[in-house]
Amino acid sequence: MAQLHKKFTDEQVKELLEKYLKKEVERKYLQEIMGIGKKIFFC
């Protein structure tokens, strides 16, 4: 598992999370592309 801050910029993470909150993408999809688990996603 790579460090999230090394894979994505702060702006990219913000955009992805905004899309999740707008229900434009599913949580499982975000977890997959970010390479994180459910526990970390909800921290």
PDB file of N, CA and C in Angstrom:
ATOM      1  N   MET A   1       0.848  -1.179   0.000  1.00  0.00           N
ATOM      2  CA  MET A   1       0.000   0.000   0.000  1.00  0.00           C
ATOM      3  C   MET A   1       0.889   1.236   0.000  1.00  0.00           C
ATOM      4  N   ALA A   2       0.741   2.076  -1.018  1.00  0.00           N
ATOM      5  CA  ALA A   2       1.525   3.301  -1.128  1.00  0.00           C
ATOM      6  C   ALA A   2       0.915   4.389  -0.252  1.00  0.00           C
ATOM      7  N   GLN A   3       1.736   5.325   0.105  1.00  0.00           N
ATOM      8  CA  GLN A   3       1.260   6.465   0.888  1.00  0.00           C
ATOM      9  C   GLN A   3       0.308   7.296   0.030  1.00  0.00           C
ATOM     10  N   LEU A   4      -0.829   7.639   0.576  1.00  0.00           N
ATOM     11  CA  LEU A   4      -1.841   8.384  -0.166  1.00  0.00           C
ATOM     12  C   LEU A   4      -1.293   9.716  -0.649  1.00  0.00           C
ATOM     13  N   HIS A   5      -0.515  10.389   0.184  1.00  0.00           N
ATOM     14  CA  HIS A   5       0.007  11.693  -0.199  1.00  0.00           C
ATOM     15  C   HIS A   5       1.065  11.592  -1.290  1.00  0.00           C
ATOM     16  N   LYS A   6       1.582  10.402  -1.543  1.00  0.00           N
ATOM     17  CA  LYS A   6       2.548  10.219  -2.621  1.00  0.00           C
ATOM     18  C   LYS A   6       1.854   9.863  -3.934  1.00  0.00           C
ATOM     19  N   LYS A   7       0.633   9.341  -3.852  1.00  0.00           N
ATOM     20  CA  LYS A   7      -0.112   8.952  -5.045  1.00  0.00           C
ATOM     21  C   LYS A   7      -0.962  10.088  -5.600  1.00  0.00           C
ATOM     22  N   PHE A   8      -1.478  10.934  -4.705  1.00  0.00           N
ATOM     23  CA  PHE A   8      -2.416  11.977  -5.099  1.00  0.00           C
ATOM     24  C   PHE A   8      -2.042  13.300  -4.444  1.00  0.00           C
ATOM     25  N   THR A   9      -2.359  14.394  -5.135  1.00  0.00           N
ATOM     26  CA  THR A   9      -2.182  15.707  -4.523  1.00  0.00           C
ATOM     27  C   THR A   9      -3.358  15.958  -3.579  1.00  0.00           C
ATOM     28  N   ASP A  10      -3.207  16.941  -2.718  1.00  0.00           N
ATOM     29  CA  ASP A  10      -4.311  17.309  -1.812  1.00  0.00           C
ATOM     30  C   ASP A  10      -5.554  17.669  -2.613  1.00  0.00           C
ATOM     31  N   GLU A  11      -5.357  18.376  -3.706  1.00  0.00           N
ATOM     32  CA  GLU A  11      -6.483  18.814  -4.536  1.00  0.00           C
ATOM     33  C   GLU A  11      -7.205  17.616  -5.156  1.00  0.00           C
ATOM     34  N   GLN A  12      -6.452  16.623  -5.600  1.00  0.00           N
ATOM     35  CA  GLN A  12      -7.060  15.431  -6.191  1.00  0.00           C
ATOM     36  C   GLN A  12      -7.891  14.675  -5.157  1.00  0.00           C
ATOM     37  N   VAL A  13      -7.384  14.532  -3.946  1.00  0.00           N
ATOM     38  CA  VAL A  13      -8.124  13.839  -2.888  1.00  0.00           C
ATOM     39  C   VAL A  13      -9.389  14.615  -2.556  1.00  0.00           C
ATOM     40  N   LYS A  14      -9.269  15.925  -2.475  1.00  0.00           N
ATOM     41  CA  LYS A  14     -10.439  16.769  -2.187  1.00  0.00           C
ATOM     42  C   LYS A  14     -11.512  16.592  -3.258  1.00  0.00           C
ATOM     43  N   GLU A  15     -11.108  16.587  -4.521  1.00  0.00           N
ATOM     44  CA  GLU A  15     -12.059  16.421  -5.620  1.00  0.00           C
ATOM     45  C   GLU A  15     -12.737  15.054  -5.570  1.00  0.00           C
ATOM     46  N   LEU A  16     -11.949  14.013  -5.287  1.00  0.00           N
ATOM     47  CA  LEU A  16     -12.520  12.670  -5.202  1.00  0.00           C
ATOM     48  C   LEU A  16     -13.530  12.571  -4.067  1.00  0.00           C
ATOM     49  N   LEU A  17     -13.199  13.138  -2.916  1.00  0.00           N
ATOM     50  CA  LEU A  17     -14.120  13.078  -1.776  1.00  0.00           C
ATOM     51  C   LEU A  17     -15.377  13.915  -2.025  1.00  0.00           C
ATOM     52  N   GLU A  18     -15.225  15.026  -2.719  1.00  0.00           N
ATOM     53  CA  GLU A  18     -16.400  15.836  -3.062  1.00  0.00           C
ATOM     54  C   GLU A  18     -17.324  15.057  -3.989  1.00  0.00           C
ATOM     55  N   LYS A  19     -16.753  14.324  -4.938  1.00  0.00           N
ATOM     56  CA  LYS A  19     -17.570  13.502  -5.841  1.00  0.00           C
ATOM     57  C   LYS A  19     -18.291  12.415  -5.058  1.00  0.00           C
ATOM     58  N   TYR A  20     -17.609  11.842  -4.064  1.00  0.00           N
ATOM     59  CA  TYR A  20     -18.239  10.819  -3.216  1.00  0.00           C
ATOM     60  C   TYR A  20     -19.413  11.424  -2.450  1.00  0.00           C
ATOM     61  N   LEU A  21     -19.215  12.599  -1.879  1.00  0.00           N
ATOM     62  CA  LEU A  21     -20.283  13.239  -1.109  1.00  0.00           C
ATOM     63  C   LEU A  21     -21.478  13.615  -1.984  1.00  0.00           C
ATOM     64  N   LYS A  22     -21.224  13.900  -3.257  1.00  0.00           N
ATOM     65  CA  LYS A  22     -22.296  14.229  -4.202  1.00  0.00           C
ATOM     66  C   LYS A  22     -22.910  12.971  -4.814  1.00  0.00           C
ATOM     67  N   LYS A  23     -22.421  11.801  -4.359  1.00  0.00           N
ATOM     68  CA  LYS A  23     -22.890  10.499  -4.837  1.00  0.00           C
ATOM     69  C   LYS A  23     -22.619  10.309  -6.325  1.00  0.00           C
ATOM     70  N   GLU A  24     -21.520  10.902  -6.818  1.00  0.00           N
ATOM     71  CA  GLU A  24     -21.120  10.727  -8.210  1.00  0.00           C
ATOM     72  C   GLU A  24     -20.249   9.487  -8.384  1.00  0.00           C
ATOM     73  N   VAL A  25     -19.597   9.049  -7.312  1.00  0.00           N
ATOM     74  CA  VAL A  25     -18.793   7.825  -7.332  1.00  0.00           C
ATOM     75  C   VAL A  25     -19.073   7.041  -6.050  1.00  0.00           C
ATOM     76  N   GLU A  26     -18.857   5.730  -6.128  1.00  0.00           N
ATOM     77  CA  GLU A  26     -19.103   4.881  -4.961  1.00  0.00           C
ATOM     78  C   GLU A  26     -17.863   4.808  -4.080  1.00  0.00           C
ATOM     79  N   ARG A  27     -18.097   4.536  -2.809  1.00  0.00           N
ATOM     80  CA  ARG A  27     -17.007   4.427  -1.834  1.00  0.00           C
ATOM     81  C   ARG A  27     -16.026   3.333  -2.236  1.00  0.00           C
ATOM     82  N   LYS A  28     -16.539   2.195  -2.645  1.00  0.00           N
ATOM     83  CA  LYS A  28     -15.664   1.080  -3.010  1.00  0.00           C
ATOM     84  C   LYS A  28     -14.733   1.462  -4.156  1.00  0.00           C
ATOM     85  N   TYR A  29     -15.226   2.233  -5.105  1.00  0.00           N
ATOM     86  CA  TYR A  29     -14.395   2.684  -6.218  1.00  0.00           C
ATOM     87  C   TYR A  29     -13.271   3.579  -5.704  1.00  0.00           C
ATOM     88  N   LEU A  30     -13.599   4.515  -4.826  1.00  0.00           N
ATOM     89  CA  LEU A  30     -12.576   5.403  -4.264  1.00  0.00           C
ATOM     90  C   LEU A  30     -11.534   4.625  -3.484  1.00  0.00           C
ATOM     91  N   GLN A  31     -11.985   3.677  -2.690  1.00  0.00           N
ATOM     92  CA  GLN A  31     -11.057   2.860  -1.925  1.00  0.00           C
ATOM     93  C   GLN A  31     -10.105   2.120  -2.858  1.00  0.00           C
ATOM     94  N   GLU A  32     -10.632   1.616  -3.953  1.00  0.00           N
ATOM     95  CA  GLU A  32      -9.814   0.852  -4.893  1.00  0.00           C
ATOM     96  C   GLU A  32      -8.747   1.740  -5.545  1.00  0.00           C
ATOM     97  N   ILE A  33      -9.145   2.907  -6.044  1.00  0.00           N
ATOM     98  CA  ILE A  33      -8.153   3.741  -6.732  1.00  0.00           C
ATOM     99  C   ILE A  33      -7.185   4.395  -5.754  1.00  0.00           C
ATOM    100  N   MET A  34      -7.634   4.645  -4.532  1.00  0.00           N
ATOM    101  CA  MET A  34      -6.747   5.231  -3.526  1.00  0.00           C
ATOM    102  C   MET A  34      -5.878   4.175  -2.858  1.00  0.00           C
ATOM    103  N   GLY A  35      -6.303   2.919  -2.945  1.00  0.00           N
ATOM    104  CA  GLY A  35      -5.550   1.841  -2.321  1.00  0.00           C
ATOM    105  C   GLY A  35      -5.667   1.831  -0.814  1.00  0.00           C
ATOM    106  N   ILE A  36      -6.871   2.135  -0.317  1.00  0.00           N
ATOM    107  CA  ILE A  36      -7.096   2.163   1.131  1.00  0.00           C
ATOM    108  C   ILE A  36      -8.275   1.270   1.483  1.00  0.00           C
ATOM    109  N   GLY A  37      -8.341   0.853   2.724  1.00  0.00           N
ATOM    110  CA  GLY A  37      -9.438   0.028   3.203  1.00  0.00           C
ATOM    111  C   GLY A  37     -10.569   0.874   3.763  1.00  0.00           C
ATOM    112  N   LYS A  38     -11.647   0.181   4.106  1.00  0.00           N
ATOM    113  CA  LYS A  38     -12.834   0.852   4.645  1.00  0.00           C
ATOM    114  C   LYS A  38     -12.527   1.582   5.945  1.00  0.00           C
ATOM    115  N   LYS A  39     -11.732   0.952   6.810  1.00  0.00           N
ATOM    116  CA  LYS A  39     -11.406   1.542   8.113  1.00  0.00           C
ATOM    117  C   LYS A  39     -10.681   2.873   7.928  1.00  0.00           C
ATOM    118  N   ILE A  40      -9.707   2.910   7.041  1.00  0.00           N
ATOM    119  CA  ILE A  40      -8.944   4.135   6.788  1.00  0.00           C
ATOM    120  C   ILE A  40      -9.823   5.178   6.096  1.00  0.00           C
ATOM    121  N   PHE A  41     -10.682   4.733   5.191  1.00  0.00           N
ATOM    122  CA  PHE A  41     -11.561   5.648   4.464  1.00  0.00           C
ATOM    123  C   PHE A  41     -12.412   6.477   5.424  1.00  0.00           C
ATOM    124  N   PHE A  42     -12.903   5.839   6.491  1.00  0.00           N
ATOM    125  CA  PHE A  42     -13.797   6.523   7.408  1.00  0.00           C
ATOM    126  C   PHE A  42     -13.102   7.183   8.595  1.00  0.00           C
ATOM    127  N   CYS A  43     -11.781   7.151   8.614  1.00  0.00           N
ATOM    128  CA  CYS A  43     -11.043   7.814   9.704  1.00  0.00           C
ATOM    129  C   CYS A  43     -11.068   9.312   9.563  1.00  0.00           C
TER     130      CYS A  43
END
